[in-house]
Amino acid sequence: MVKFYRSIYTHDHDFETFSVAYFLRYPNPYATHVVSVDTLSCHVDDQGRLHTDRLIVKKGKLPRWCKMLLASSGINISESMILETSIIDPKSQEIWTETKNIDFTRIMRVVETATYKGGLDIDKKPIVKAFTTVWFLSSFGFGSMKERMETWGQRKMSENLNRSRMGMGFVMDRLREQGGKIKLFQLAMQKALAQDAQEF
């Protein structure tokens, strides 16, 4: 049985700042579990949209009962690899992202998709609205064990998203203090493309 989690959230920042912060959000004080972030590929398509694939390695966090169960099966999870795919459209001020774990998928497969849309609030102040959907699917064990794993993931997602938002807020506040948001956005795209050229 698949479990879902959905969320809508509004960031009180402009789209350019949010776009740059998305690439620079690690490290931050709310993401100490992130071990590394590597760009696998990136390119700008003929519509001016930036496509990026990144590999994120995170320290694993599992409940005690789950660790004990996995240990009895000879499985020790200390880190997990996440594939992040993103498309940024500066013209329409939209970002689409998908993140999913690419290891230990039998124990728990977690896929998160999000759409971010820049705009103005009722007071004409810039905002970015985030629409997030996450689904959880476990194939580990049998009977109620699978559902227990999925329910645990679903319950943890609210806490995880809250920390993620605080981390993004921390980075965006730093960027806003520095100013030059649009220039930073352009530099981030250039840096991503330059790194892509160097690696490939």
Protein backbone atom coordinates (compact mmCIF):
# COMPACT_ATOMS: atom_id res chain seq x y z
CA MET A 1 0.00 0.00 0.00
CA VAL A 2 1.40 3.40 -0.99
CA LYS A 3 1.33 6.32 1.47
CA PHE A 4 1.17 9.94 0.30
CA TYR A 5 2.03 13.29 1.83
CA ARG A 6 1.01 16.61 0.25
CA SER A 7 1.89 20.15 1.26
CA ILE A 8 1.44 23.75 0.10
CA TYR A 9 3.77 26.41 1.46
CA THR A 10 4.57 30.06 0.67
CA HIS A 11 8.13 31.43 0.80
CA ASP A 12 8.34 35.19 1.42
CA HIS A 13 11.15 35.75 -1.06
CA ASP A 14 11.40 36.64 -4.75
CA PHE A 15 11.91 34.00 -7.42
CA GLU A 16 15.49 34.96 -8.29
CA THR A 17 16.65 34.62 -4.68
CA PHE A 18 14.78 31.34 -4.30
CA SER A 19 16.32 29.94 -7.50
CA VAL A 20 19.87 30.69 -6.38
CA ALA A 21 19.17 29.41 -2.86
CA TYR A 22 17.89 26.13 -4.30
CA PHE A 23 21.35 25.39 -5.72
CA LEU A 24 23.21 26.75 -2.70
CA ARG A 25 20.99 25.37 0.06
CA TYR A 26 23.63 22.89 1.26
CA PRO A 27 25.32 23.23 3.64
CA ASN A 28 23.06 25.02 6.12
CA PRO A 29 22.50 24.65 9.89
CA TYR A 30 19.28 22.67 9.35
CA ALA A 31 20.81 20.06 7.03
CA THR A 32 23.72 18.65 8.98
CA HIS A 33 22.74 15.18 7.75
CA VAL A 34 23.77 16.06 4.18
CA VAL A 35 27.20 14.57 3.49
CA SER A 36 27.86 15.69 -0.08
CA VAL A 37 26.27 17.18 -3.22
CA ASP A 38 27.65 16.49 -6.71
CA THR A 39 26.39 17.77 -10.07
CA LEU A 40 25.99 14.89 -12.53
CA SER A 41 24.77 16.89 -15.52
CA CYS A 42 23.29 20.22 -16.47
CA HIS A 43 22.30 22.06 -19.62
CA VAL A 44 20.10 24.91 -20.85
CA ASP A 45 17.51 23.87 -23.44
CA ASP A 46 16.32 25.89 -26.44
CA GLN A 47 13.59 27.47 -24.28
CA GLY A 48 16.12 28.86 -21.79
CA ARG A 49 15.31 26.35 -19.04
CA LEU A 50 18.10 25.02 -16.85
CA HIS A 51 18.06 21.21 -16.41
CA THR A 52 20.20 19.78 -13.61
CA ASP A 53 20.79 16.33 -12.12
CA ARG A 54 22.57 16.12 -8.77
CA LEU A 55 23.56 13.27 -6.47
CA ILE A 56 23.01 14.01 -2.78
CA VAL A 57 24.39 11.73 -0.08
CA LYS A 58 22.62 11.91 3.28
CA LYS A 59 23.10 10.20 6.62
CA GLY A 60 20.31 7.71 7.23
CA LYS A 61 17.80 8.20 10.04
CA LEU A 62 15.71 5.20 11.00
CA PRO A 63 13.65 4.33 14.09
CA ARG A 64 15.23 1.93 16.57
CA TRP A 65 12.79 -0.89 15.80
CA CYS A 66 13.66 -0.62 12.11
CA LYS A 67 17.43 -0.65 12.74
CA MET A 68 17.08 -3.77 14.85
CA LEU A 69 14.98 -5.49 12.20
CA LEU A 70 17.44 -4.61 9.43
CA ALA A 71 20.42 -5.65 11.56
CA SER A 72 18.85 -9.08 12.02
CA SER A 73 18.76 -9.31 8.21
CA GLY A 74 22.40 -8.23 7.92
CA ILE A 75 21.57 -4.72 6.62
CA ASN A 76 23.26 -1.62 8.01
CA ILE A 77 22.17 1.74 6.60
CA SER A 78 24.39 4.67 7.54
CA GLU A 79 24.02 6.76 4.37
CA SER A 80 21.60 6.98 1.46
CA MET A 81 22.01 8.32 -2.09
CA ILE A 82 19.38 10.70 -3.47
CA LEU A 83 18.99 11.63 -7.13
CA GLU A 84 17.70 15.18 -7.58
CA THR A 85 16.37 16.34 -10.94
CA SER A 86 15.35 19.97 -11.45
CA ILE A 87 14.12 22.22 -14.25
CA ILE A 88 14.23 25.98 -13.73
CA ASP A 89 12.32 28.27 -16.08
CA PRO A 90 13.32 31.90 -15.40
CA LYS A 91 10.79 33.23 -17.93
CA SER A 92 7.69 31.69 -16.35
CA GLN A 93 9.29 31.81 -12.88
CA GLU A 94 8.67 28.12 -12.26
CA ILE A 95 10.81 25.30 -10.89
CA TRP A 96 9.98 21.60 -11.11
CA THR A 97 11.93 19.11 -9.02
CA GLU A 98 11.96 15.39 -8.31
CA THR A 99 14.06 13.69 -5.64
CA LYS A 100 14.20 9.94 -5.04
CA ASN A 101 16.45 7.51 -3.25
CA ILE A 102 18.37 5.19 -5.57
CA ASP A 103 19.55 2.70 -2.96
CA PHE A 104 17.70 0.59 -0.37
CA THR A 105 14.55 0.98 -2.48
CA ARG A 106 13.23 -2.40 -1.33
CA ILE A 107 13.22 -1.19 2.26
CA MET A 108 11.63 2.13 1.38
CA ARG A 109 11.21 3.97 -1.89
CA VAL A 110 10.57 7.69 -1.38
CA VAL A 111 9.79 9.97 -4.33
CA GLU A 112 9.19 13.68 -3.81
CA THR A 113 7.97 15.99 -6.56
CA ALA A 114 7.62 19.73 -6.09
CA THR A 115 6.58 22.72 -8.16
CA TYR A 116 7.63 26.24 -7.18
CA LYS A 117 5.92 29.24 -8.72
CA GLY A 118 7.05 32.85 -8.32
CA GLY A 119 4.50 35.63 -8.05
CA LEU A 120 3.07 38.37 -5.84
CA ASP A 121 0.89 38.20 -2.76
CA ILE A 122 -2.19 40.32 -2.08
CA ASP A 123 0.05 43.19 -0.97
CA LYS A 124 2.12 42.97 -4.19
CA LYS A 125 5.10 41.52 -2.33
CA PRO A 126 7.14 38.82 -4.10
CA ILE A 127 6.53 35.23 -3.01
CA VAL A 128 7.24 31.69 -4.17
CA LYS A 129 4.50 29.08 -3.69
CA ALA A 130 5.62 25.49 -3.18
CA PHE A 131 3.40 22.51 -4.02
CA THR A 132 4.90 19.22 -2.79
CA THR A 133 3.79 15.61 -3.12
CA VAL A 134 5.70 12.69 -1.60
CA TRP A 135 4.91 9.00 -1.86
CA PHE A 136 6.32 6.11 0.15
CA LEU A 137 6.44 2.46 -0.85
CA SER A 138 8.06 -0.37 1.10
CA SER A 139 8.63 -3.94 -0.08
CA PHE A 140 10.47 -5.02 3.04
CA GLY A 141 9.11 -7.73 5.30
CA PHE A 142 5.56 -8.93 5.08
CA GLY A 143 2.06 -8.13 6.28
CA SER A 144 1.79 -5.05 8.48
CA MET A 145 5.57 -4.45 8.44
CA LYS A 146 5.44 -2.80 5.01
CA GLU A 147 2.63 -0.47 6.10
CA ARG A 148 4.48 0.33 9.33
CA MET A 149 7.54 1.42 7.34
CA GLU A 150 5.45 3.58 5.00
CA THR A 151 3.53 5.17 7.88
CA TRP A 152 6.77 6.03 9.66
CA GLY A 153 8.09 7.74 6.51
CA GLN A 154 4.84 9.63 6.06
CA ARG A 155 4.87 10.90 9.65
CA LYS A 156 8.52 12.01 9.43
CA MET A 157 7.95 14.00 6.25
CA SER A 158 6.31 16.96 7.99
CA GLU A 159 9.37 17.37 10.22
CA ASN A 160 11.75 16.91 7.28
CA LEU A 161 9.97 19.49 5.12
CA ASN A 162 9.92 21.97 7.99
CA ARG A 163 13.70 21.67 8.41
CA SER A 164 14.14 21.98 4.66
CA ARG A 165 12.10 25.20 4.64
CA MET A 166 14.11 26.63 7.52
CA GLY A 167 17.30 25.78 5.66
CA MET A 168 16.06 27.48 2.51
CA GLY A 169 14.99 30.50 4.55
CA PHE A 170 18.45 30.70 6.13
CA VAL A 171 20.18 30.67 2.73
CA MET A 172 17.70 33.13 1.17
CA ASP A 173 18.11 35.58 4.03
CA ARG A 174 21.88 35.47 3.51
CA LEU A 175 21.48 36.07 -0.21
CA ARG A 176 19.07 38.94 0.35
CA GLU A 177 21.53 40.56 2.75
CA GLN A 178 24.20 40.38 0.06
CA GLY A 179 21.96 41.81 -2.67
CA GLY A 180 22.41 41.38 -6.42
CA LYS A 181 19.88 38.57 -6.66
CA ILE A 182 19.42 38.51 -10.44
CA LYS A 183 23.17 38.65 -11.00
CA LEU A 184 23.59 35.77 -8.56
CA PHE A 185 20.99 33.80 -10.47
CA GLN A 186 22.85 34.33 -13.73
CA LEU A 187 26.17 33.45 -12.12
CA ALA A 188 24.68 30.25 -10.67
CA MET A 189 23.55 29.17 -14.14
CA GLN A 190 26.96 30.03 -15.62
CA LYS A 191 28.75 28.16 -12.83
CA ALA A 192 26.59 25.09 -13.34
CA LEU A 193 27.27 25.08 -17.07
CA ALA A 194 31.00 25.67 -16.54
CA GLN A 195 31.17 22.76 -14.10
CA ASP A 196 29.30 20.61 -16.61
CA ALA A 197 31.83 21.48 -19.34
CA GLN A 198 34.78 20.70 -17.06
CA GLU A 199 33.42 17.32 -15.97
CA PHE A 200 32.36 16.14 -19.40
